Amino acid sequence: MSRTIPTINTARLTLRAMRAEDFERYAEIWAMPDVADRILDRPRAKAQSWDAFLRNAGHWQITGFGQWAVQLHRQREMLGQTGFVFGSRNFGEDFDTYPEARMVLAPQAQDQRLGSEAARAAHEWFDRVITGRTVCMISAGNEAALRIAGALGYQALREAKTAGGPVHLMTRRGPPV
């Protein structure tokens, strides 16, 4: 089975398939304490990043969706990633059975509305191609991510605890009207 991962262009960004040469930057982003503090309980080791990097490529092949590398136009280095996965986080059927929206940006790419731009483009693609309910998990205190989720039509599902701390579980039944 072979699926083509679409490329999406916005005013400032390109969302594209991750490539082998992206791995070093991918691992670097996930090892950054500023990234890990918002998502994990600690920075991700390089071997864990490799497993996640490969899992993302396989996700596209099996489900028809996954995560894109996010990069600024005319720049080679990825800034982060956005897209959808089946996370299997053991939060229950009201969460785990739906595609989970995810987004990670390197600290230097934050506070420029790039996250909002990337997430909107990914959700517009999802709404056209896959359709249906999605969920997301946002660390307590991550106000920027909560604003983005709200603008995309996510609503509170419930609170939960992870190894990284308390999180908001949110759900979206489709595009906002």
C-alpha atoms as a PDB file:
ATOM      1  CA  MET A   1       0.000   0.000   0.000  1.00  0.00           C
ATOM      2  CA  SER A   2       1.314   3.406  -0.904  1.00  0.00           C
ATOM      3  CA  ARG A   3      -0.391   6.696  -0.205  1.00  0.00           C
ATOM      4  CA  THR A   4       0.670  10.144  -1.252  1.00  0.00           C
ATOM      5  CA  ILE A   5       0.937  12.671   1.547  1.00  0.00           C
ATOM      6  CA  PRO A   6      -0.516  15.970   0.357  1.00  0.00           C
ATOM      7  CA  THR A   7       1.431  19.220   0.495  1.00  0.00           C
ATOM      8  CA  ILE A   8      -0.503  22.207   1.820  1.00  0.00           C
ATOM      9  CA  ASN A   9       0.581  25.810   1.363  1.00  0.00           C
ATOM     10  CA  THR A  10      -0.707  28.736   3.409  1.00  0.00           C
ATOM     11  CA  ALA A  11       0.289  32.387   3.278  1.00  0.00           C
ATOM     12  CA  ARG A  12       3.533  31.718   5.192  1.00  0.00           C
ATOM     13  CA  LEU A  13       3.839  27.959   5.654  1.00  0.00           C
ATOM     14  CA  THR A  14       4.212  24.686   3.838  1.00  0.00           C
ATOM     15  CA  LEU A  15       2.832  21.533   5.447  1.00  0.00           C
ATOM     16  CA  ARG A  16       4.601  18.606   3.793  1.00  0.00           C
ATOM     17  CA  ALA A  17       5.558  14.994   4.255  1.00  0.00           C
ATOM     18  CA  MET A  18       8.395  14.430   6.682  1.00  0.00           C
ATOM     19  CA  ARG A  19      11.598  13.294   4.996  1.00  0.00           C
ATOM     20  CA  ALA A  20      14.529  11.290   6.300  1.00  0.00           C
ATOM     21  CA  GLU A  21      16.648  14.442   6.420  1.00  0.00           C
ATOM     22  CA  ASP A  22      14.108  15.994   8.845  1.00  0.00           C
ATOM     23  CA  PHE A  23      14.877  13.491  11.575  1.00  0.00           C
ATOM     24  CA  GLU A  24      17.745  15.371  13.262  1.00  0.00           C
ATOM     25  CA  ARG A  25      15.620  18.519  13.565  1.00  0.00           C
ATOM     26  CA  TYR A  26      12.593  16.458  14.678  1.00  0.00           C
ATOM     27  CA  ALA A  27      14.658  14.845  17.462  1.00  0.00           C
ATOM     28  CA  GLU A  28      16.135  18.228  18.423  1.00  0.00           C
ATOM     29  CA  ILE A  29      12.649  19.772  18.817  1.00  0.00           C
ATOM     30  CA  TRP A  30      11.379  16.878  20.958  1.00  0.00           C
ATOM     31  CA  ALA A  31      14.500  17.090  23.170  1.00  0.00           C
ATOM     32  CA  MET A  32      13.874  20.776  23.954  1.00  0.00           C
ATOM     33  CA  PRO A  33      12.704  21.298  27.558  1.00  0.00           C
ATOM     34  CA  ASP A  34      10.301  24.079  26.440  1.00  0.00           C
ATOM     35  CA  VAL A  35       8.548  21.584  24.149  1.00  0.00           C
ATOM     36  CA  ALA A  36       8.619  18.646  26.538  1.00  0.00           C
ATOM     37  CA  ASP A  37       7.281  20.707  29.449  1.00  0.00           C
ATOM     38  CA  ARG A  38       4.039  21.337  27.544  1.00  0.00           C
ATOM     39  CA  ILE A  39       3.509  17.807  26.239  1.00  0.00           C
ATOM     40  CA  LEU A  40       5.608  15.136  27.946  1.00  0.00           C
ATOM     41  CA  ASP A  41       6.910  14.576  31.422  1.00  0.00           C
ATOM     42  CA  ARG A  42      10.503  14.988  30.161  1.00  0.00           C
ATOM     43  CA  PRO A  43      12.420  15.626  26.922  1.00  0.00           C
ATOM     44  CA  ARG A  44      12.258  12.732  24.486  1.00  0.00           C
ATOM     45  CA  ALA A  45      15.386  10.637  23.967  1.00  0.00           C
ATOM     46  CA  LYS A  46      16.656  10.336  20.395  1.00  0.00           C
ATOM     47  CA  ALA A  47      15.667   6.648  20.179  1.00  0.00           C
ATOM     48  CA  GLN A  48      12.111   7.519  21.263  1.00  0.00           C
ATOM     49  CA  SER A  49      12.018  10.273  18.651  1.00  0.00           C
ATOM     50  CA  TRP A  50      13.099   7.783  15.990  1.00  0.00           C
ATOM     51  CA  ASP A  51      10.239   5.445  16.923  1.00  0.00           C
ATOM     52  CA  ALA A  52       7.745   8.318  16.801  1.00  0.00           C
ATOM     53  CA  PHE A  53       9.172   9.598  13.504  1.00  0.00           C
ATOM     54  CA  LEU A  54       8.722   6.181  11.884  1.00  0.00           C
ATOM     55  CA  ARG A  55       5.282   5.737  13.443  1.00  0.00           C
ATOM     56  CA  ASN A  56       4.188   8.969  11.768  1.00  0.00           C
ATOM     57  CA  ALA A  57       5.223   7.717   8.329  1.00  0.00           C
ATOM     58  CA  GLY A  58       3.356   4.466   8.908  1.00  0.00           C
ATOM     59  CA  HIS A  59       0.290   6.297  10.153  1.00  0.00           C
ATOM     60  CA  TRP A  60      -0.229   7.937   6.759  1.00  0.00           C
ATOM     61  CA  GLN A  61       0.047   4.558   5.039  1.00  0.00           C
ATOM     62  CA  ILE A  62      -2.415   2.738   7.295  1.00  0.00           C
ATOM     63  CA  THR A  63      -5.042   5.411   8.035  1.00  0.00           C
ATOM     64  CA  GLY A  64      -4.746   7.915   5.180  1.00  0.00           C
ATOM     65  CA  PHE A  65      -3.884  10.744   7.568  1.00  0.00           C
ATOM     66  CA  GLY A  66      -0.992  11.687   9.830  1.00  0.00           C
ATOM     67  CA  GLN A  67       1.241  14.604  10.670  1.00  0.00           C
ATOM     68  CA  TRP A  68       3.007  17.007   8.364  1.00  0.00           C
ATOM     69  CA  ALA A  69       6.324  18.772   8.812  1.00  0.00           C
ATOM     70  CA  VAL A  70       5.709  22.518   9.159  1.00  0.00           C
ATOM     71  CA  GLN A  71       8.166  24.886   7.526  1.00  0.00           C
ATOM     72  CA  LEU A  72       8.260  28.530   6.528  1.00  0.00           C
ATOM     73  CA  HIS A  73       8.228  29.180   2.786  1.00  0.00           C
ATOM     74  CA  ARG A  74      11.715  29.284   1.289  1.00  0.00           C
ATOM     75  CA  GLN A  75      13.310  27.715   4.365  1.00  0.00           C
ATOM     76  CA  ARG A  76      14.511  24.133   4.570  1.00  0.00           C
ATOM     77  CA  GLU A  77      14.380  23.504   8.304  1.00  0.00           C
ATOM     78  CA  MET A  78      11.152  22.222   9.794  1.00  0.00           C
ATOM     79  CA  LEU A  79       9.643  24.319  12.575  1.00  0.00           C
ATOM     80  CA  GLY A  80       7.527  21.507  13.984  1.00  0.00           C
ATOM     81  CA  GLN A  81       4.660  19.255  13.032  1.00  0.00           C
ATOM     82  CA  THR A  82       0.886  19.247  12.866  1.00  0.00           C
ATOM     83  CA  GLY A  83      -1.792  16.780  11.855  1.00  0.00           C
ATOM     84  CA  PHE A  84      -3.824  13.869  13.154  1.00  0.00           C
ATOM     85  CA  VAL A  85      -3.117  10.459  14.696  1.00  0.00           C
ATOM     86  CA  PHE A  86      -4.838   7.683  16.548  1.00  0.00           C
ATOM     87  CA  GLY A  87      -3.048   8.238  19.847  1.00  0.00           C
ATOM     88  CA  SER A  88      -4.286   5.249  21.873  1.00  0.00           C
ATOM     89  CA  ARG A  89      -3.745   7.154  25.114  1.00  0.00           C
ATOM     90  CA  ASN A  90      -6.119   5.016  27.207  1.00  0.00           C
ATOM     91  CA  PHE A  91      -8.463   7.926  27.911  1.00  0.00           C
ATOM     92  CA  GLY A  92     -11.531   5.898  26.911  1.00  0.00           C
ATOM     93  CA  GLU A  93     -13.756   5.345  23.907  1.00  0.00           C
ATOM     94  CA  ASP A  94     -14.965   8.945  23.831  1.00  0.00           C
ATOM     95  CA  PHE A  95     -11.374  10.012  23.074  1.00  0.00           C
ATOM     96  CA  ASP A  96      -9.192   7.148  21.832  1.00  0.00           C
ATOM     97  CA  THR A  97     -11.465   6.018  18.978  1.00  0.00           C
ATOM     98  CA  TYR A  98     -11.236   9.392  17.175  1.00  0.00           C
ATOM     99  CA  PRO A  99      -8.387  11.044  15.274  1.00  0.00           C
ATOM    100  CA  GLU A 100      -6.394  13.228  17.652  1.00  0.00           C
ATOM    101  CA  ALA A 101      -5.186  16.608  16.410  1.00  0.00           C
ATOM    102  CA  ARG A 102      -1.607  17.357  17.381  1.00  0.00           C
ATOM    103  CA  MET A 103       0.746  20.265  16.931  1.00  0.00           C
ATOM    104  CA  VAL A 104       4.276  20.917  18.102  1.00  0.00           C
ATOM    105  CA  LEU A 105       6.350  23.964  17.215  1.00  0.00           C
ATOM    106  CA  ALA A 106       9.902  24.764  18.220  1.00  0.00           C
ATOM    107  CA  PRO A 107      10.016  27.607  20.770  1.00  0.00           C
ATOM    108  CA  GLN A 108      11.426  30.120  18.255  1.00  0.00           C
ATOM    109  CA  ALA A 109       8.355  29.562  16.021  1.00  0.00           C
ATOM    110  CA  GLN A 110       5.832  30.203  18.779  1.00  0.00           C
ATOM    111  CA  ASP A 111       4.021  33.513  19.406  1.00  0.00           C
ATOM    112  CA  GLN A 112       3.882  34.344  15.673  1.00  0.00           C
ATOM    113  CA  ARG A 113       0.439  32.845  14.945  1.00  0.00           C
ATOM    114  CA  LEU A 114       2.177  30.120  12.941  1.00  0.00           C
ATOM    115  CA  GLY A 115       0.550  27.442  15.082  1.00  0.00           C
ATOM    116  CA  SER A 116      -2.888  28.790  14.314  1.00  0.00           C
ATOM    117  CA  GLU A 117      -2.106  28.994  10.602  1.00  0.00           C
ATOM    118  CA  ALA A 118      -0.751  25.436  10.481  1.00  0.00           C
ATOM    119  CA  ALA A 119      -3.571  23.942  12.555  1.00  0.00           C
ATOM    120  CA  ARG A 120      -6.257  25.689  10.497  1.00  0.00           C
ATOM    121  CA  ALA A 121      -4.763  24.373   7.241  1.00  0.00           C
ATOM    122  CA  ALA A 122      -4.557  20.821   8.618  1.00  0.00           C
ATOM    123  CA  HIS A 123      -8.164  20.946   9.845  1.00  0.00           C
ATOM    124  CA  GLU A 124      -9.424  22.358   6.545  1.00  0.00           C
ATOM    125  CA  TRP A 125      -7.780  19.417   4.764  1.00  0.00           C
ATOM    126  CA  PHE A 126      -9.250  16.947   7.279  1.00  0.00           C
ATOM    127  CA  ASP A 127     -12.744  18.415   6.888  1.00  0.00           C
ATOM    128  CA  ARG A 128     -12.547  18.037   3.087  1.00  0.00           C
ATOM    129  CA  VAL A 129     -10.860  14.640   2.850  1.00  0.00           C
ATOM    130  CA  ILE A 130     -11.501  12.551   5.989  1.00  0.00           C
ATOM    131  CA  THR A 131     -14.379  14.323   7.811  1.00  0.00           C
ATOM    132  CA  GLY A 132     -15.855  13.544  11.195  1.00  0.00           C
ATOM    133  CA  ARG A 133     -15.124  14.056  14.840  1.00  0.00           C
ATOM    134  CA  THR A 134     -11.636  14.825  16.122  1.00  0.00           C
ATOM    135  CA  VAL A 135     -10.216  15.216  19.613  1.00  0.00           C
ATOM    136  CA  CYS A 136      -7.201  16.955  21.129  1.00  0.00           C
ATOM    137  CA  MET A 137      -5.290  17.019  24.392  1.00  0.00           C
ATOM    138  CA  ILE A 138      -3.903  20.295  25.719  1.00  0.00           C
ATOM    139  CA  SER A 139      -1.710  20.742  28.780  1.00  0.00           C
ATOM    140  CA  ALA A 140      -3.284  22.780  31.558  1.00  0.00           C
ATOM    141  CA  GLY A 141      -2.006  26.327  31.344  1.00  0.00           C
ATOM    142  CA  ASN A 142      -1.262  26.260  27.603  1.00  0.00           C
ATOM    143  CA  GLU A 143      -3.508  29.232  26.845  1.00  0.00           C
ATOM    144  CA  ALA A 144      -2.262  29.681  23.269  1.00  0.00           C
ATOM    145  CA  ALA A 145      -3.204  26.100  22.357  1.00  0.00           C
ATOM    146  CA  LEU A 146      -6.589  26.509  24.047  1.00  0.00           C
ATOM    147  CA  ARG A 147      -7.269  29.639  21.956  1.00  0.00           C
ATOM    148  CA  ILE A 148      -6.330  27.818  18.750  1.00  0.00           C
ATOM    149  CA  ALA A 149      -8.510  24.835  19.665  1.00  0.00           C
ATOM    150  CA  GLY A 150     -11.439  27.111  20.479  1.00  0.00           C
ATOM    151  CA  ALA A 151     -11.105  28.935  17.155  1.00  0.00           C
ATOM    152  CA  LEU A 152     -11.176  25.561  15.372  1.00  0.00           C
ATOM    153  CA  GLY A 153     -14.404  24.586  17.129  1.00  0.00           C
ATOM    154  CA  TYR A 154     -13.118  22.322  19.916  1.00  0.00           C
ATOM    155  CA  GLN A 155     -15.138  22.120  23.103  1.00  0.00           C
ATOM    156  CA  ALA A 156     -14.243  20.750  26.527  1.00  0.00           C
ATOM    157  CA  LEU A 157     -14.763  17.018  26.952  1.00  0.00           C
ATOM    158  CA  ARG A 158     -13.184  16.568  30.409  1.00  0.00           C
ATOM    159  CA  GLU A 159      -9.984  16.952  32.419  1.00  0.00           C
ATOM    160  CA  ALA A 160      -7.439  14.146  32.769  1.00  0.00           C
ATOM    161  CA  LYS A 161      -4.015  13.501  34.245  1.00  0.00           C
ATOM    162  CA  THR A 162      -0.915  12.326  32.377  1.00  0.00           C
ATOM    163  CA  ALA A 163       2.669  11.719  33.441  1.00  0.00           C
ATOM    164  CA  GLY A 164       3.314  15.309  32.301  1.00  0.00           C
ATOM    165  CA  GLY A 165       0.537  16.733  34.485  1.00  0.00           C
ATOM    166  CA  PRO A 166      -3.113  17.725  34.114  1.00  0.00           C
ATOM    167  CA  VAL A 167      -4.580  18.115  30.625  1.00  0.00           C
ATOM    168  CA  HIS A 168      -7.766  19.289  28.939  1.00  0.00           C
ATOM    169  CA  LEU A 169      -9.391  16.716  26.674  1.00  0.00           C
ATOM    170  CA  MET A 170     -11.379  18.418  23.940  1.00  0.00           C
ATOM    171  CA  THR A 171     -13.645  17.306  21.106  1.00  0.00           C
ATOM    172  CA  ARG A 172     -14.726  18.749  17.752  1.00  0.00           C
ATOM    173  CA  ARG A 173     -17.676  17.360  15.823  1.00  0.00           C
ATOM    174  CA  GLY A 174     -16.726  19.043  12.552  1.00  0.00           C
ATOM    175  CA  PRO A 175     -15.900  22.482  11.223  1.00  0.00           C
ATOM    176  CA  PRO A 176     -17.310  25.484  13.090  1.00  0.00           C
ATOM    177  CA  VAL A 177     -20.408  26.953  11.469  1.00  0.00           C
END
